[in-house]
Protein backbone atom coordinates (compact mmCIF):
# COMPACT_ATOMS: atom_id res chain seq x y z
CA MET A 1 36.04 23.94 -29.38
CA HIS A 2 38.63 22.16 -31.93
CA THR A 3 37.36 19.41 -34.26
CA GLU A 4 39.29 16.58 -32.51
CA THR A 5 37.65 17.27 -29.09
CA ARG A 6 34.05 17.94 -30.45
CA LYS A 7 34.32 14.31 -32.27
CA PRO A 8 34.81 12.37 -29.01
CA VAL A 9 32.36 14.35 -27.06
CA ARG A 10 29.50 13.66 -30.05
CA GLY A 11 30.66 10.01 -29.54
CA TYR A 12 29.91 10.02 -26.05
CA LEU A 13 26.47 11.59 -26.48
CA TYR A 14 25.43 9.50 -29.20
CA ILE A 15 25.91 6.36 -27.09
CA ALA A 16 24.63 7.65 -24.16
CA THR A 17 21.37 8.60 -26.34
CA ALA A 18 21.37 4.86 -27.25
CA THR A 19 21.75 3.37 -23.88
CA PHE A 20 18.88 5.80 -22.41
CA PHE A 21 16.76 4.27 -25.46
CA TRP A 22 17.37 0.71 -23.98
CA GLY A 23 16.96 1.98 -20.58
CA VAL A 24 13.46 3.15 -21.57
CA SER A 25 12.64 -0.35 -23.53
CA ALA A 26 14.03 -2.34 -20.45
CA THR A 27 11.32 -0.35 -18.27
CA LEU A 28 8.69 -0.85 -21.15
CA GLY A 29 9.27 -4.39 -21.20
CA ARG A 30 9.53 -4.60 -16.92
CA ALA A 31 6.34 -2.92 -16.91
CA ALA A 32 4.64 -5.38 -19.57
CA PHE A 33 6.26 -8.56 -18.07
CA THR A 34 4.89 -7.68 -14.67
CA GLY A 35 1.13 -6.46 -16.01
CA ARG A 36 1.90 -3.18 -15.11
CA LEU A 37 1.64 -1.66 -18.69
CA PRO A 38 -2.41 -2.04 -19.63
CA GLY A 39 -3.42 -3.53 -22.69
CA LEU A 40 -0.37 -5.65 -22.97
CA HIS A 41 -1.01 -8.13 -20.18
CA ALA A 42 -0.41 -11.22 -22.31
CA VAL A 43 3.14 -10.24 -23.55
CA SER A 44 4.70 -12.18 -20.81
CA ALA A 45 3.74 -15.50 -23.01
CA ILE A 46 6.61 -14.15 -25.58
CA ASP A 47 9.28 -16.34 -25.62
CA PRO A 48 13.36 -14.72 -25.48
CA LEU A 49 13.71 -16.28 -29.06
CA ILE A 50 10.64 -14.82 -30.59
CA LEU A 51 11.53 -11.43 -28.57
CA SER A 52 15.29 -11.57 -30.12
CA GLN A 53 13.65 -12.25 -33.74
CA GLY A 54 10.90 -9.79 -33.47
CA ARG A 55 13.59 -7.05 -32.41
CA ALA A 56 15.62 -7.48 -35.24
CA THR A 57 12.72 -8.44 -38.15
CA PHE A 58 10.90 -5.23 -37.79
CA SER A 59 13.34 -2.95 -37.02
CA PHE A 60 14.85 -4.07 -40.52
CA LEU A 61 10.86 -4.15 -42.30
CA VAL A 62 10.69 -0.70 -41.06
CA LEU A 63 14.46 0.52 -42.01
CA LEU A 64 14.63 -0.87 -45.58
CA PRO A 65 11.67 0.78 -47.42
CA MET A 66 12.70 4.21 -45.74
CA LEU A 67 16.28 3.83 -46.93
CA ARG A 68 15.29 2.56 -50.43
CA LEU A 69 12.49 5.78 -50.36
CA PHE A 70 15.34 8.54 -49.42
CA ARG A 71 18.72 7.16 -50.65
CA GLY A 72 17.54 4.74 -53.89
CA ARG A 73 18.12 1.21 -54.21
CA HIS A 74 21.50 1.70 -56.01
CA SER A 75 22.93 3.10 -52.60
CA LEU A 76 22.35 0.12 -50.63
CA SER A 77 24.50 -2.23 -52.45
CA LEU A 78 27.88 -3.01 -50.69
CA PRO A 79 31.00 -4.93 -52.02
CA ALA A 80 31.40 -9.13 -50.72
CA ARG A 81 34.04 -8.24 -48.18
CA ASP A 82 31.60 -5.87 -46.47
CA LEU A 83 28.62 -8.01 -47.09
CA GLY A 84 30.61 -11.03 -44.90
CA GLN A 85 31.84 -8.77 -42.28
CA LEU A 86 28.30 -7.43 -41.66
CA LEU A 87 26.63 -10.93 -42.09
CA LEU A 88 28.98 -11.85 -38.79
CA ILE A 89 28.02 -9.06 -37.06
CA GLY A 90 24.67 -9.21 -37.34
CA VAL A 91 24.57 -13.16 -36.56
CA LEU A 92 27.63 -13.63 -34.25
CA GLY A 93 26.86 -9.71 -32.53
CA VAL A 94 23.43 -8.61 -32.49
CA ALA A 95 21.37 -11.52 -32.75
CA ALA A 96 23.76 -13.78 -30.21
CA SER A 97 24.08 -10.89 -27.90
CA ASN A 98 19.92 -10.17 -27.79
CA TYR A 99 19.60 -14.04 -27.37
CA PHE A 100 21.82 -15.28 -25.29
CA TYR A 101 21.31 -12.19 -22.94
CA TYR A 102 17.26 -13.44 -22.68
CA LEU A 103 18.31 -16.72 -22.00
CA ALA A 104 20.78 -16.19 -19.13
CA ILE A 105 17.66 -13.82 -17.63
CA GLN A 106 15.42 -16.84 -17.96
CA ARG A 107 17.92 -19.32 -16.47
CA THR A 108 19.18 -16.83 -13.60
CA ASN A 109 18.05 -13.68 -12.88
CA VAL A 110 18.39 -9.97 -14.33
CA ALA A 111 21.79 -9.35 -11.75
CA THR A 112 23.36 -12.31 -13.13
CA ALA A 113 22.77 -11.54 -16.68
CA ILE A 114 23.85 -8.03 -16.82
CA THR A 115 26.73 -8.60 -14.46
CA VAL A 116 28.65 -11.08 -16.94
CA GLN A 117 27.01 -9.49 -19.64
CA TYR A 118 28.98 -6.21 -18.84
CA THR A 119 31.95 -8.13 -18.32
CA ALA A 120 32.26 -7.12 -22.05
CA PRO A 121 34.54 -3.82 -21.56
CA ILE A 122 37.23 -6.43 -20.33
CA TRP A 123 36.92 -8.41 -23.10
CA VAL A 124 37.22 -5.47 -25.57
CA LEU A 125 40.34 -4.28 -23.58
CA LEU A 126 41.91 -7.13 -23.76
CA TYR A 127 41.41 -8.10 -27.41
CA THR A 128 42.49 -4.88 -28.55
CA VAL A 129 45.53 -4.64 -26.29
CA ALA A 130 46.40 -8.21 -27.72
CA ARG A 131 46.40 -7.10 -31.23
CA GLY A 132 48.49 -3.89 -30.35
CA LEU A 133 45.38 -1.36 -31.18
CA GLN A 134 45.67 0.16 -27.94
CA LYS A 135 48.34 0.26 -24.85
CA PHE A 136 47.45 -1.72 -21.42
CA THR A 137 47.21 1.70 -19.45
CA LEU A 138 46.55 2.14 -15.96
CA GLN A 139 43.32 4.76 -17.00
CA ARG A 140 41.81 1.95 -18.88
CA VAL A 141 42.36 -0.68 -16.11
CA ALA A 142 40.71 1.49 -13.68
CA ALA A 143 37.65 2.47 -15.96
CA VAL A 144 36.81 -0.80 -16.80
CA GLY A 145 37.30 -1.83 -13.27
CA LEU A 146 34.95 1.01 -12.02
CA ALA A 147 32.27 0.35 -14.73
CA VAL A 148 31.90 -3.47 -13.69
CA THR A 149 31.84 -2.47 -10.11
CA GLY A 150 29.22 0.14 -10.74
CA ILE A 151 27.04 -2.18 -13.00
CA ALA A 152 27.19 -4.98 -9.80
CA LEU A 153 25.92 -2.35 -7.44
CA VAL A 154 23.23 -0.71 -9.60
CA ILE A 155 21.79 -4.05 -10.06
CA GLY A 156 21.85 -5.18 -6.58
CA VAL A 157 24.58 -8.39 -6.96
CA PHE A 158 25.21 -7.49 -3.18
CA GLY A 159 22.17 -7.62 -1.95
CA ARG A 160 19.82 -10.18 -1.27
CA SER A 161 18.73 -11.20 -5.08
CA GLY A 162 22.65 -11.70 -5.63
CA LEU A 163 23.94 -13.64 -8.52
CA ARG A 164 22.42 -17.19 -9.31
CA MET A 165 24.29 -20.01 -10.36
CA ASP A 166 23.00 -21.78 -13.26
CA THR A 167 25.48 -23.35 -15.70
CA ILE A 168 23.59 -22.66 -19.22
CA GLY A 169 22.29 -19.58 -17.80
CA LEU A 170 26.00 -18.36 -16.86
CA PHE A 171 27.33 -19.70 -20.28
CA ALA A 172 24.44 -17.82 -22.08
CA ALA A 173 25.38 -14.55 -19.92
CA LEU A 174 29.19 -14.87 -21.13
CA LEU A 175 28.48 -15.66 -24.73
CA ALA A 176 26.17 -12.88 -24.52
CA ALA A 177 29.30 -10.60 -23.56
CA PHE A 178 31.50 -12.12 -26.07
CA SER A 179 28.89 -11.08 -28.77
CA PHE A 180 28.41 -7.62 -27.25
CA ALA A 181 32.10 -7.14 -27.26
CA PHE A 182 32.73 -8.66 -30.84
CA TYR A 183 29.78 -6.13 -32.12
CA ASN A 184 31.57 -3.30 -30.65
CA ILE A 185 35.08 -4.33 -31.93
CA GLY A 186 33.83 -5.34 -35.60
CA GLY A 187 31.54 -2.40 -35.67
CA HIS A 188 34.26 0.20 -35.10
CA GLY A 189 35.95 -0.92 -38.13
CA ILE A 190 33.20 -0.92 -40.67
CA LEU A 191 31.69 2.12 -39.59
CA ALA A 192 35.02 3.61 -40.34
CA ARG A 193 34.49 3.27 -43.88
CA ARG A 194 30.49 3.15 -44.53
CA ASP A 195 27.34 4.95 -43.42
CA ARG A 196 25.85 3.71 -40.13
CA TRP A 197 22.67 3.65 -41.89
CA ILE A 198 23.31 1.12 -44.25
CA VAL A 199 25.64 -0.93 -41.69
CA LEU A 200 22.43 -1.34 -39.52
CA LEU A 201 20.37 -2.07 -42.45
CA TYR A 202 22.62 -5.55 -43.14
CA THR A 203 23.23 -6.04 -39.49
CA THR A 204 19.35 -6.23 -38.99
CA GLY A 205 18.80 -7.88 -41.93
CA SER A 206 21.30 -10.63 -41.61
CA ALA A 207 20.05 -11.20 -37.96
CA SER A 208 16.27 -11.59 -39.35
CA LEU A 209 17.70 -14.00 -41.84
CA PHE A 210 19.26 -16.20 -39.31
CA TRP A 211 16.30 -15.92 -36.99
CA LEU A 212 14.13 -16.96 -40.15
CA LEU A 213 16.42 -20.06 -40.44
CA VAL A 214 16.15 -21.27 -36.98
CA ASN A 215 12.53 -20.26 -36.24
CA PRO A 216 10.47 -20.45 -39.67
CA PRO A 217 7.53 -18.59 -40.11
CA TRP A 218 5.22 -21.21 -39.75
CA LYS A 219 6.34 -21.51 -36.49
CA LEU A 220 5.73 -17.81 -35.85
CA ILE A 221 2.12 -18.56 -36.81
CA ALA A 222 1.64 -21.49 -35.06
CA ALA A 223 2.09 -19.27 -31.89
CA HIS A 224 -0.99 -17.52 -32.42
CA TYR A 225 -0.04 -14.14 -30.79
CA SER A 226 -2.60 -11.53 -30.33
CA ALA A 227 -2.49 -8.10 -31.94
CA ALA A 228 -1.33 -6.81 -28.61
CA GLN A 229 1.61 -8.75 -28.63
CA TRP A 230 2.47 -8.01 -32.05
CA PHE A 231 2.31 -4.30 -31.07
CA PHE A 232 4.43 -4.67 -28.45
CA LEU A 233 6.93 -6.51 -30.45
CA LEU A 234 6.90 -3.62 -32.88
CA LEU A 235 6.99 -0.89 -30.40
CA PHE A 236 9.78 -2.90 -28.53
CA SER A 237 12.14 -3.29 -31.95
CA LEU A 238 11.93 0.56 -32.57
CA LEU A 239 12.91 1.73 -28.94
CA SER A 240 15.38 -1.45 -28.27
CA VAL A 241 16.79 -1.78 -31.82
CA LEU A 242 16.44 0.95 -34.26
CA ALA A 243 16.63 3.97 -32.52
CA PRO A 244 19.42 2.91 -30.07
CA PHE A 245 21.16 1.24 -32.32
CA SER A 246 21.45 4.30 -34.91
CA PHE A 247 23.02 6.42 -32.19
CA TYR A 248 25.36 3.74 -30.85
CA PHE A 249 26.61 2.89 -34.48
CA ALA A 250 27.18 6.50 -34.95
CA GLY A 251 28.88 6.72 -31.40
CA LEU A 252 31.52 4.14 -33.06
CA GLN A 253 32.17 6.19 -35.62
CA HIS A 254 33.80 8.75 -33.22
CA LEU A 255 35.19 6.52 -30.26
CA GLU A 256 37.13 3.49 -30.24
CA PRO A 257 35.63 0.12 -28.72
CA THR A 258 36.86 0.07 -25.15
CA ARG A 259 35.46 3.77 -24.45
CA ALA A 260 32.21 3.34 -26.46
CA ILE A 261 31.84 -0.10 -24.44
CA ILE A 262 32.20 1.79 -20.99
CA VAL A 263 29.71 4.47 -22.10
CA SER A 264 27.49 1.65 -22.70
CA CYS A 265 27.43 0.63 -18.98
CA LEU A 266 24.71 3.63 -18.66
CA GLU A 267 22.06 1.41 -19.90
CA PRO A 268 21.36 -0.44 -16.42
CA VAL A 269 21.72 3.00 -14.79
CA PHE A 270 19.17 4.26 -17.43
CA SER A 271 16.99 1.40 -16.28
CA ILE A 272 17.12 1.79 -12.58
CA VAL A 273 16.40 5.48 -13.04
CA ILE A 274 13.45 5.27 -15.30
CA ALA A 275 12.32 2.49 -13.58
CA ALA A 276 12.35 4.63 -10.22
CA LEU A 277 10.60 7.45 -11.93
CA VAL A 278 8.06 5.87 -14.01
CA LEU A 279 7.31 2.59 -11.74
CA GLY A 280 7.68 4.17 -8.41
CA GLU A 281 10.71 1.37 -7.92
CA VAL A 282 12.96 2.56 -4.82
CA MET A 283 16.49 3.50 -5.41
CA ARG A 284 18.71 2.32 -2.65
CA PRO A 285 22.24 3.61 -1.53
CA PRO A 286 24.34 0.95 -3.28
CA GLN A 287 22.48 1.56 -6.37
CA ILE A 288 23.05 5.33 -6.40
CA LEU A 289 26.72 4.50 -5.46
CA GLY A 290 27.08 2.06 -8.39
CA ILE A 291 25.68 5.03 -10.33
CA VAL A 292 28.20 7.27 -9.14
CA PHE A 293 31.07 4.67 -10.18
CA VAL A 294 29.89 4.24 -13.81
CA LEU A 295 30.22 8.07 -14.51
CA ALA A 296 33.52 7.99 -12.65
CA ALA A 297 34.63 4.85 -14.82
CA ILE A 298 33.03 7.23 -18.02
CA THR A 299 35.09 10.28 -16.99
CA VAL A 300 38.26 8.35 -16.70
CA ALA A 301 37.80 6.65 -20.02
CA GLN A 302 37.64 9.87 -21.83
CA LEU A 303 40.88 11.32 -20.31
CA PRO A 304 43.30 11.89 -23.06
CA ASP A 305 45.85 9.03 -23.05
CA ARG A 306 48.95 11.06 -23.08
CA LEU A 307 48.01 11.91 -19.05
CA VAL A 308 48.50 8.36 -18.26
CA GLU A 309 51.81 5.84 -18.86
CA PRO A 310 51.15 2.27 -20.27
CA ILE A 311 51.63 -0.42 -17.65
CA GLU A 312 54.63 -2.34 -18.35
């Protein structure tokens, strides 16, 4: 297999692995919040802001000493330009996408939040075409359309739960989509010249700093969370941020943003499948069809560009 072929394949595998971890963490959260995870019944009291803050902060606190130990302190320094870019990615990308996604779930439902957030491939495609970074081809339009439709089927938009219309919730979900698109585009650019572990360190660090300003330590102390809740936050941060983002950033080093974000649509697919296997939740025919759509979108997205003519 040629080197040019191996690089995209590795990119798809990295991002698929990241979405698997996100699927596991989603199932873990669902189990804990529904009281089906022994010893973590009190987790339901955790606020969406604290959940977002804990994910970033614990990841940063685990990653920093590891990198200093194995890489050395001087290897962690970056020029001002990269620091500024990573600050924006950490705050407007990682922190914002996490918080607005959880806020959207709180104000609407999971179906609405995921469907609107996963319009992100549309925004990435429009941005890259507008900047002249990609051509507007039928292949890319079809891949994005299949991915968004597949997500809608997987999470049951057309079922009884459907979309729930709440102005603040819908706006939050749309902001989550923009943030998700932003760190795909920005992350791809800086990962072309920087090590992914350094990028992950500074994005989680900047997100942690932002959350400390929004929600200072004394407010966390005043919340009086139990040991079980803190343990859940630590475990959740490792499974939902540190592990998946390390793979996701590795994937962004090998794939253009549009293809990467289409593959990320596997996240709700993994969530549904893992929940069915672990929690005994039933998979219905529309969900199975949605999985087929998402897999088809990934297949279409990875076709060589030369096979498809641009749309005039």
